N, C-alpha and C. Protein backbone atom coordinates (compact mmCIF):
# COMPACT_ATOMS: atom_id res chain seq x y z
N UNK A 1 0.93 -1.17 -0.19
CA UNK A 1 0.33 -0.48 -0.21
C UNK A 1 1.30 1.03 0.08
N UNK A 2 0.62 2.26 -0.91
CA UNK A 2 1.30 3.68 -0.92
C UNK A 2 0.39 4.11 0.39
N UNK A 3 2.16 4.81 0.38
CA UNK A 3 2.12 6.01 1.96
C UNK A 3 1.12 7.13 1.17
N UNK A 4 1.21 8.57 2.11
CA UNK A 4 0.08 9.83 2.09
C UNK A 4 0.79 10.74 1.26
N UNK A 5 2.65 10.39 1.67
CA UNK A 5 3.86 10.93 1.52
C UNK A 5 4.38 10.49 -0.04
N UNK A 6 3.91 9.35 -0.26
CA UNK A 6 4.33 9.14 -1.68
C UNK A 6 3.19 9.62 -3.04
N UNK A 7 1.52 9.14 -2.50
CA UNK A 7 0.91 10.17 -3.45
C UNK A 7 1.32 11.22 -3.63
N UNK A 8 0.72 11.69 -2.42
CA UNK A 8 1.75 13.35 -2.82
C UNK A 8 2.48 13.55 -3.52
N UNK A 9 3.51 12.92 -3.42
CA UNK A 9 4.97 13.11 -4.10
C UNK A 9 4.51 12.85 -5.89
N UNK A 10 3.24 11.80 -6.17
CA UNK A 10 3.20 11.38 -7.27
C UNK A 10 2.46 12.52 -8.25
N UNK A 11 1.26 12.95 -7.40
CA UNK A 11 0.95 14.16 -7.65
C UNK A 11 1.36 15.21 -8.08
N UNK A 12 2.46 15.59 -7.50
CA UNK A 12 3.60 16.62 -7.99
C UNK A 12 4.13 16.66 -9.02
N UNK A 13 4.70 15.36 -9.16
CA UNK A 13 5.63 14.34 -10.22
C UNK A 13 4.73 15.25 -11.42
N UNK A 14 3.38 14.63 -11.76
CA UNK A 14 2.65 14.75 -12.45
C UNK A 14 2.28 16.59 -12.51
N UNK A 15 1.73 17.33 -11.22
CA UNK A 15 1.28 18.56 -11.62
C UNK A 15 2.95 19.60 -12.22
N UNK A 16 3.54 18.87 -12.00
CA UNK A 16 5.05 19.84 -12.22
C UNK A 16 4.92 19.83 -14.27
N UNK A 17 4.51 18.60 -14.34
CA UNK A 17 4.49 18.88 -16.51
C UNK A 17 4.00 19.80 -16.97
N UNK A 18 2.86 20.75 -16.03
CA UNK A 18 2.10 21.52 -16.44
C UNK A 18 3.27 23.06 -16.12
N UNK A 19 3.53 23.83 -18.02
CA UNK A 19 4.06 24.36 -17.88
C UNK A 19 3.71 25.91 -17.11
N UNK A 20 4.54 26.08 -15.86
CA UNK A 20 4.72 27.78 -15.31
C UNK A 20 3.87 27.33 -14.12
N UNK A 21 3.83 26.31 -13.98
CA UNK A 21 3.33 26.32 -12.55
C UNK A 21 3.80 25.69 -11.47
N UNK A 22 4.22 26.04 -10.53
CA UNK A 22 4.47 25.81 -9.47
C UNK A 22 3.39 25.56 -8.29
N UNK A 23 4.22 23.88 -8.03
CA UNK A 23 3.51 23.01 -6.87
C UNK A 23 4.64 22.96 -5.96
N UNK A 24 2.97 22.94 -4.70
CA UNK A 24 4.05 22.63 -3.64
C UNK A 24 3.40 21.63 -3.00
N UNK A 25 4.15 20.41 -2.15
CA UNK A 25 3.51 19.26 -1.59
C UNK A 25 3.33 19.36 -0.43
N UNK A 26 3.40 20.69 -0.04
CA UNK A 26 3.58 20.97 1.51
C UNK A 26 2.98 22.40 1.03
N UNK A 27 2.29 23.09 2.70
CA UNK A 27 1.96 24.76 3.14
C UNK A 27 3.83 25.19 2.79
N UNK A 28 4.33 26.38 1.69
CA UNK A 28 5.65 26.46 1.62
C UNK A 28 5.66 28.31 2.34
N UNK A 29 7.28 28.54 2.97
CA UNK A 29 7.00 29.50 3.74
C UNK A 29 7.02 31.27 2.54
N UNK A 30 6.71 30.42 1.15
CA UNK A 30 6.63 31.85 0.10
C UNK A 30 6.26 31.41 -0.71
N UNK A 31 5.12 31.93 -1.27
CA UNK A 31 3.99 31.21 -2.60
C UNK A 31 4.13 31.61 -4.21
N UNK A 32 4.29 31.63 -4.96
CA UNK A 32 4.17 31.92 -6.40
C UNK A 32 3.18 31.87 -7.27
N UNK A 33 2.39 32.32 -7.27
CA UNK A 33 1.50 32.10 -8.54
C UNK A 33 1.96 31.72 -9.36
N UNK A 34 1.36 31.47 -10.49
CA UNK A 34 0.13 30.42 -10.00
C UNK A 34 0.81 29.55 -9.68
N UNK A 35 0.20 28.77 -8.84
CA UNK A 35 0.71 27.74 -8.32
C UNK A 35 -0.50 26.93 -7.17
N UNK A 36 0.00 25.73 -6.79
CA UNK A 36 -1.31 25.15 -6.31
C UNK A 36 -0.34 23.92 -5.27
N UNK A 37 -0.93 24.20 -4.48
CA UNK A 37 -0.79 22.82 -3.35
C UNK A 37 -1.10 21.97 -2.75
N UNK A 38 -0.61 20.29 -2.86
CA UNK A 38 -1.49 19.44 -2.74
C UNK A 38 -1.64 19.35 -0.88
N UNK A 39 -2.80 19.08 -0.53
CA UNK A 39 -2.97 18.65 0.54
C UNK A 39 -3.49 17.73 1.09
N UNK A 40 -3.12 16.80 1.95
CA UNK A 40 -3.72 15.55 2.55
C UNK A 40 -5.26 16.29 3.15
N UNK A 41 -6.46 15.38 3.23
CA UNK A 41 -7.15 16.09 3.89
C UNK A 41 -7.83 14.72 4.85
N UNK A 42 -7.10 13.04 4.77
CA UNK A 42 -8.33 12.28 5.41
C UNK A 42 -8.29 10.73 4.82
N UNK A 43 -8.43 10.26 5.44
CA UNK A 43 -8.60 8.91 4.19
C UNK A 43 -9.83 8.16 5.50
N UNK A 44 -10.03 7.02 4.45
CA UNK A 44 -10.91 6.16 4.88
C UNK A 44 -11.06 4.78 4.76
N UNK A 45 -11.44 3.80 5.40
CA UNK A 45 -11.16 2.15 5.36
C UNK A 45 -12.10 1.99 4.77
N UNK A 46 -12.05 0.86 3.49
CA UNK A 46 -13.22 0.26 3.06
C UNK A 46 -13.22 -1.05 2.01
N UNK A 47 -13.98 -1.82 1.52
CA UNK A 47 -14.02 -3.12 1.10
C UNK A 47 -14.61 -3.02 -0.38
N UNK A 48 -14.54 -3.94 -1.19
CA UNK A 48 -14.80 -3.65 -2.37
C UNK A 48 -15.89 -5.10 -2.37
N UNK A 49 -16.53 -5.11 -2.93
CA UNK A 49 -17.43 -6.34 -2.70
C UNK A 49 -16.96 -7.34 -1.76
N UNK A 50 -16.97 -6.69 -0.40
CA UNK A 50 -16.79 -8.30 0.36
C UNK A 50 -15.11 -8.81 0.58
N UNK A 51 -14.23 -8.55 -0.41
CA UNK A 51 -13.39 -9.00 -0.92
C UNK A 51 -11.64 -8.62 -0.44
N UNK A 52 -12.00 -8.06 -0.56
CA UNK A 52 -10.29 -7.12 -0.73
C UNK A 52 -10.61 -5.35 0.40
N UNK A 53 -10.03 -5.46 1.15
CA UNK A 53 -9.41 -4.33 2.39
C UNK A 53 -8.54 -3.58 1.50
N UNK A 54 -9.09 -1.63 1.43
CA UNK A 54 -8.34 -0.71 1.01
C UNK A 54 -8.69 0.31 2.23
N UNK A 55 -7.97 1.33 1.56
CA UNK A 55 -7.35 2.50 2.18
C UNK A 55 -8.39 3.28 0.99
N UNK A 56 -8.41 4.46 1.03
CA UNK A 56 -9.37 5.58 0.51
C UNK A 56 -8.95 6.85 0.91
N UNK A 57 -7.17 7.77 -0.05
CA UNK A 57 -7.13 9.30 0.89
C UNK A 57 -7.46 9.49 -0.40
N UNK A 58 -8.22 11.00 0.41
CA UNK A 58 -8.31 12.13 0.20
C UNK A 58 -8.12 13.27 -0.24
N UNK A 59 -7.01 14.11 -1.78
CA UNK A 59 -6.50 15.15 -1.33
C UNK A 59 -7.17 16.31 -1.63
N UNK A 60 -6.79 17.70 -1.14
CA UNK A 60 -7.74 19.25 -1.75
C UNK A 60 -6.17 19.62 -2.50
N UNK A 61 -6.71 19.97 -3.96
CA UNK A 61 -6.04 20.74 -4.25
C UNK A 61 -6.20 22.42 -4.65
N UNK A 62 -5.29 23.26 -3.87
CA UNK A 62 -6.15 24.57 -3.56
C UNK A 62 -5.18 25.22 -4.47
N UNK A 63 -5.50 25.99 -5.59
CA UNK A 63 -4.97 26.25 -6.76
C UNK A 63 -5.05 28.59 -6.56
N UNK A 64 -3.89 29.08 -6.38
CA UNK A 64 -3.77 30.33 -6.60
C UNK A 64 -2.92 31.38 -7.87
N UNK A 65 -3.92 31.95 -8.42
CA UNK A 65 -3.68 32.85 -9.51
C UNK A 65 -3.10 34.23 -9.31
N UNK A 66 -2.54 34.79 -9.81
CA UNK A 66 -2.80 36.48 -9.95
C UNK A 66 -3.59 36.78 -10.27
N UNK A 67 -3.75 38.09 -9.79
CA UNK A 67 -5.51 38.27 -11.09
C UNK A 67 -5.41 39.50 -12.27
N UNK A 68 -6.41 39.29 -12.90
CA UNK A 68 -6.27 40.12 -14.40
C UNK A 68 -7.22 40.48 -14.76
N UNK A 69 -7.28 41.46 -15.76
CA UNK A 69 -7.91 42.05 -15.92
C UNK A 69 -8.40 41.81 -17.84
N UNK A 70 -9.21 41.31 -17.58
CA UNK A 70 -10.32 41.46 -18.22
C UNK A 70 -10.65 40.06 -17.33
N UNK A 71 -11.89 39.43 -16.97
CA UNK A 71 -12.02 38.50 -16.11
C UNK A 71 -11.71 37.21 -17.18
N UNK A 72 -11.88 37.48 -17.91
CA UNK A 72 -12.42 36.40 -18.92
C UNK A 72 -11.18 35.89 -19.28
N UNK A 73 -10.24 37.44 -19.42
CA UNK A 73 -8.73 36.74 -19.88
C UNK A 73 -8.07 35.92 -18.53
N UNK A 74 -8.44 36.45 -17.38
CA UNK A 74 -7.58 35.44 -16.27
C UNK A 74 -8.40 34.11 -16.47
N UNK A 75 -9.39 33.91 -16.27
CA UNK A 75 -10.15 32.75 -16.41
C UNK A 75 -9.19 31.91 -17.73
N UNK A 76 -8.77 32.19 -19.01
CA UNK A 76 -8.27 31.57 -19.55
C UNK A 76 -6.91 31.07 -19.41
N UNK A 77 -6.19 32.63 -19.17
CA UNK A 77 -4.47 32.40 -18.38
C UNK A 77 -4.41 31.58 -17.52
């Protein structure tokens, strides 16, 4: 079973492929936009069809971008 830190690291590797996006796998001391922070928010144990025990991990991705005007342009950037 993968650990939370291993999963978070893999999210970071995948998100790092997005050009110009700063990716943080924990709360940084300084944040550079556009950026995204990967936060583990919990887990729960579950069974699939009563046969296999598994753990579901939940992550939240917090993204911040620099403001731009007009709003339509900001959303596209």
